[in-house]
Protein backbone atom coordinates (compact mmCIF):
# COMPACT_ATOMS: atom_id res chain seq x y z
CA MET A 1 97.87 105.44 92.97
CA ALA A 2 101.30 106.37 91.64
CA ASP A 3 103.71 103.56 90.78
CA ASN A 4 107.49 103.70 90.99
CA ASP A 5 110.26 102.28 88.84
CA GLU A 6 110.41 98.87 90.54
CA TRP A 7 106.74 97.92 90.98
CA GLU A 8 103.82 97.06 88.74
CA TYR A 9 100.29 95.75 89.17
CA VAL A 10 99.14 92.53 87.52
CA THR A 11 95.71 90.92 87.32
CA ASP A 12 95.35 88.37 90.10
CA ASP A 13 92.38 86.43 91.52
CA GLU A 14 93.60 87.13 95.06
CA GLY A 15 94.72 90.71 94.49
CA ASP A 16 94.84 93.39 97.18
CA PHE A 17 94.20 96.29 94.76
CA ILE A 18 91.61 96.98 92.08
CA GLU A 19 91.66 98.78 88.75
CA ASP A 20 88.68 101.07 88.16
CA GLU A 21 86.96 101.80 84.85
CA ASN A 22 89.55 104.49 84.05
CA GLY A 23 92.59 102.30 84.70
CA ASN A 24 93.43 103.79 88.09
CA ILE A 25 94.85 101.46 90.74
CA LEU A 26 93.15 101.75 94.13
CA THR A 27 93.59 100.20 97.55
CA PRO A 28 90.48 98.50 99.00
CA GLN A 29 90.10 101.42 101.41
CA GLU A 30 90.14 103.96 98.57
CA ALA A 31 87.71 101.83 96.59
CA GLU A 32 85.38 101.62 99.59
CA GLN A 33 85.34 105.42 99.88
CA ARG A 34 84.27 105.62 96.25
CA GLY A 35 81.57 102.98 96.69
CA LEU A 36 83.28 100.48 94.38
CA VAL A 37 83.52 97.79 97.06
CA THR A 38 81.57 96.81 100.17
CA ARG A 39 83.25 95.60 103.35
CA ALA A 40 82.42 91.94 103.99
CA ASN A 41 81.28 90.44 107.29
CA ASP A 42 83.38 87.81 109.05
CA ASP A 43 81.56 85.06 107.17
CA GLY A 44 82.30 86.66 103.80
CA THR A 45 78.82 88.11 103.31
CA THR A 46 77.43 91.63 103.28
CA ASP A 47 74.19 93.01 104.64
CA ARG A 48 72.91 92.80 101.07
CA GLY A 49 72.90 89.02 101.43
CA LEU A 50 75.68 88.39 98.93
CA GLY A 51 77.67 85.28 99.84
CA LYS A 52 81.13 84.13 98.83
CA ASN A 53 79.80 81.71 96.23
CA ILE A 54 76.72 83.64 95.09
CA LEU A 55 77.90 87.05 93.95
CA ILE A 56 75.85 89.32 91.73
CA GLY A 57 78.20 91.32 89.51
CA GLY A 58 81.00 91.19 92.05
CA ALA A 59 83.79 89.14 93.60
CA ILE A 60 85.75 88.77 96.83
CA LEU A 61 88.74 91.15 97.11
CA GLY A 62 91.44 89.95 99.48
CA GLY A 63 88.83 88.15 101.60
CA LEU A 64 87.73 91.45 103.19
CA TYR A 65 85.71 93.25 100.53
CA ILE A 66 83.16 92.43 97.87
CA LEU A 67 83.40 94.23 94.54
CA ASN A 68 80.22 96.03 93.59
CA LYS A 69 81.12 95.79 89.90
CA GLN A 70 83.14 93.53 87.63
CA LEU A 71 86.43 95.33 88.23
CA LYS A 72 89.89 93.83 87.82
CA LYS A 73 91.64 92.64 90.96
CA LYS A 74 95.34 93.45 90.99
CA LYS A 75 98.45 92.29 92.83
CA ARG A 76 101.49 94.50 93.45
CA VAL A 77 104.65 92.75 92.24
CA LYS A 78 108.24 93.61 91.43
CA LYS A 79 108.81 94.53 87.81
CA ALA A 80 110.82 91.99 85.85
CA ASN A 81 112.67 94.92 84.29
CA PRO A 82 112.89 98.20 86.25
CA ASP A 83 112.61 101.41 84.25
CA ASN A 84 115.60 103.53 83.23
CA VAL A 85 118.24 100.79 83.30
CA PRO A 86 120.15 99.42 80.29
CA TYR A 87 119.75 95.76 81.19
CA LYS A 88 116.79 93.44 80.74
CA TRP A 89 115.83 90.00 82.02
CA VAL A 90 114.52 87.70 79.28
CA ARG A 91 112.92 84.31 79.75
CA TRP A 92 115.11 81.43 78.57
CA ASN A 93 113.55 79.51 75.67
CA GLY A 94 116.39 77.12 74.92
CA THR A 95 118.66 79.51 73.04
CA ALA A 96 120.57 82.57 74.19
CA PRO A 97 118.90 85.86 73.17
CA ALA A 98 120.84 88.79 71.73
CA ASN A 99 123.20 90.58 74.12
CA THR A 100 123.16 87.77 76.67
CA VAL A 101 125.63 88.47 79.49
CA SER A 102 127.88 85.41 79.75
CA SER A 103 131.46 84.21 80.07
CA LYS A 104 133.50 81.21 79.01
CA ASN A 105 135.70 79.67 81.71
CA SER A 106 138.73 77.41 81.99
CA LEU A 107 136.44 74.38 82.28
CA GLY A 108 135.35 74.98 78.71
CA LYS A 109 131.87 75.90 79.89
CA THR A 110 129.82 79.00 79.12
CA PHE A 111 127.96 80.43 82.10
CA ILE A 112 125.12 82.91 81.61
CA ILE A 113 123.97 85.29 84.33
CA ALA A 114 120.44 84.15 85.11
CA ARG A 115 117.77 84.15 87.78
CA GLY A 116 114.76 82.09 88.84
CA LYS A 117 112.05 81.64 91.46
CA VAL A 118 113.22 80.23 94.79
CA GLU A 119 111.24 80.17 98.06
CA ASP A 120 108.79 82.93 97.05
CA GLY A 121 111.62 85.15 95.83
CA ILE A 122 113.75 85.64 92.71
CA HIS A 123 117.42 84.65 93.05
CA PRO A 124 120.30 85.12 90.58
CA GLY A 125 122.93 82.56 89.70
CA TYR A 126 124.44 81.03 86.57
CA ALA A 127 122.81 79.10 83.75
CA ASP A 128 124.61 76.40 81.80
CA PRO A 129 123.36 76.27 78.18
CA ALA A 130 124.54 72.66 77.96
CA THR A 131 122.19 71.51 80.72
CA LYS A 132 119.58 74.24 80.16
CA LYS A 133 119.38 74.80 83.92
CA LEU A 134 119.98 77.63 86.37
CA TYR A 135 122.19 77.02 89.40
CA THR A 136 121.69 79.25 92.42
CA SER A 137 121.47 78.70 96.19
CA PHE A 138 119.27 79.07 99.22
CA GLY A 139 119.43 78.05 102.88
CA GLY A 140 122.80 76.31 102.63
CA ASN A 141 121.93 74.28 99.53
CA GLU A 142 122.47 74.57 95.81
CA VAL A 143 119.16 75.06 94.00
CA VAL A 144 118.65 73.93 90.40
CA VAL A 145 115.90 75.69 88.42
CA LYS A 146 114.58 74.71 85.00
CA ASP A 147 112.40 77.77 84.31
CA PHE A 148 114.49 80.93 84.46
CA GLU A 149 115.42 84.28 82.94
CA VAL A 150 118.78 85.38 81.54
CA LEU A 151 120.38 88.81 81.73
CA THR A 152 120.78 90.81 78.52
CA CYS A 153 122.47 94.16 78.04
CA PRO A 154 124.22 96.03 75.20
CA GLN A 155 128.01 95.71 75.32
CA GLY A 156 129.89 98.32 77.30
CA LYS A 157 127.00 99.12 79.63
CA LEU A 158 128.01 96.88 82.55
CA THR A 159 131.05 96.67 84.81
CA TRP A 160 132.26 94.48 87.69
CA ILE A 161 133.19 96.23 90.94
CA LYS A 162 135.30 94.60 93.64
CA CYS A 163 133.69 94.42 97.07
CA ASN A 164 134.17 92.83 100.49
CA ASN A 165 131.29 94.54 102.28
CA PRO A 166 127.78 94.39 100.77
CA LYS A 167 126.88 97.62 102.55
CA ASP A 168 129.21 99.37 100.07
CA ILE A 169 127.18 98.28 97.04
CA GLY A 170 126.37 101.31 94.91
CA ALA A 171 123.06 102.65 93.62
CA LYS A 172 123.70 101.36 90.09
CA ALA A 173 124.17 97.73 91.07
CA VAL A 174 122.24 95.30 88.86
CA ILE A 175 119.22 94.02 90.76
CA GLY A 176 119.13 90.29 90.25
CA GLY A 177 115.93 89.67 92.18
CA TYR A 178 114.57 89.85 95.69
CA GLU A 179 113.85 87.83 98.81
CA LYS A 180 110.26 86.94 99.69
CA ASP A 181 110.15 90.05 101.91
CA ASP A 182 111.12 92.20 98.86
CA THR A 183 114.74 92.73 99.98
CA PRO A 184 116.72 93.44 96.76
CA VAL A 185 119.29 90.82 95.76
CA TYR A 186 122.28 91.82 93.62
CA VAL A 187 124.26 89.93 90.96
CA CYS A 188 127.74 88.86 92.08
CA LYS A 189 130.76 87.07 90.65
CA CYS A 190 132.47 84.59 92.98
CA MET A 191 135.79 82.90 92.17
CA ARG A 192 136.50 79.24 92.88
CA ASP A 193 139.66 77.56 91.54
CA ASN A 194 140.02 80.38 88.99
CA VAL A 195 136.49 79.79 87.71
CA ALA A 196 133.84 82.52 87.96
CA TYR A 197 130.48 81.46 89.36
CA TYR A 198 127.62 83.94 89.38
CA GLY A 199 125.76 84.36 92.62
CA LYS A 200 124.08 86.91 94.85
CA THR A 201 124.34 89.21 97.82
CA TYR A 202 122.21 91.79 99.61
CA LYS A 203 123.13 94.98 101.45
CA ASN A 204 122.33 93.70 104.93
CA GLY A 205 124.54 90.64 104.45
CA TYR A 206 128.24 90.17 105.04
CA CYS A 207 129.27 88.03 102.04
CA ALA A 208 128.21 86.72 98.64
CA TYR A 209 126.62 83.34 97.94
CA TYR A 210 126.65 80.92 95.02
CA GLY A 211 125.57 77.36 94.36
CA TYR A 212 127.95 74.54 93.47
CA ASP A 213 128.12 70.77 93.93
CA GLY A 214 124.88 70.60 95.89
CA LYS A 215 125.84 73.27 98.43
CA GLU A 216 125.59 76.99 99.02
CA TRP A 217 129.04 78.55 99.28
CA LYS A 218 130.00 81.89 100.85
CA VAL A 219 132.83 84.23 99.87
CA ASN A 220 133.93 87.45 101.55
CA ASP A 221 135.74 88.89 98.52
CA PHE A 222 133.62 89.14 95.39
CA GLU A 223 132.57 91.48 92.60
CA TYR A 224 129.11 92.89 92.05
CA LEU A 225 127.69 93.87 88.68
CA ALA A 226 126.76 97.51 88.02
CA TYR A 227 125.55 99.49 85.03
CA ASN A 228 127.15 102.65 83.66
């Protein structure tokens, strides 16, 4: 099965795909056609008498199939770093990596563009190296995340573009993450009292969002980040 620039397949106990002996990724239906899996009955057994907890050389695949061999179960997930883009998301380990994308503001603080897991999605925001936390938003509230990634990119490869309608966001916008339904979320810069806060938007929305002081704030005029 061909992959595209934004997706990859990772080993997962509850995966919906399998990897065969040659490294090919197959759907359960394709694997069934090749005899690599057997469709399970409603009680998780097959006519061969293999049960959920007593499997001979196999395992449950997505609750619907039983593997006939010890093959790897895979899950389709968004790539942390899509192909063919100059930027990269790097896990924060307490110090800023090379080429971190950040800014120093009038408050004397340095904010780093960052992202973290929120409500089964990945959402961008700003990280404060002083607190070692990411600040983003969801559902009307500010969300604080301790385990996050920061954006890195060689100088001169990124630019901010003014916007007041997310539908106008261009094809080279930096993807900051995604909602739980895989809707792409883009990195934005939102101004508040002459201070830039990094946040997010998506093309079907009408504004940009950022987290501050315990709340999620909305702005109609913002800038989104794009690569050259």
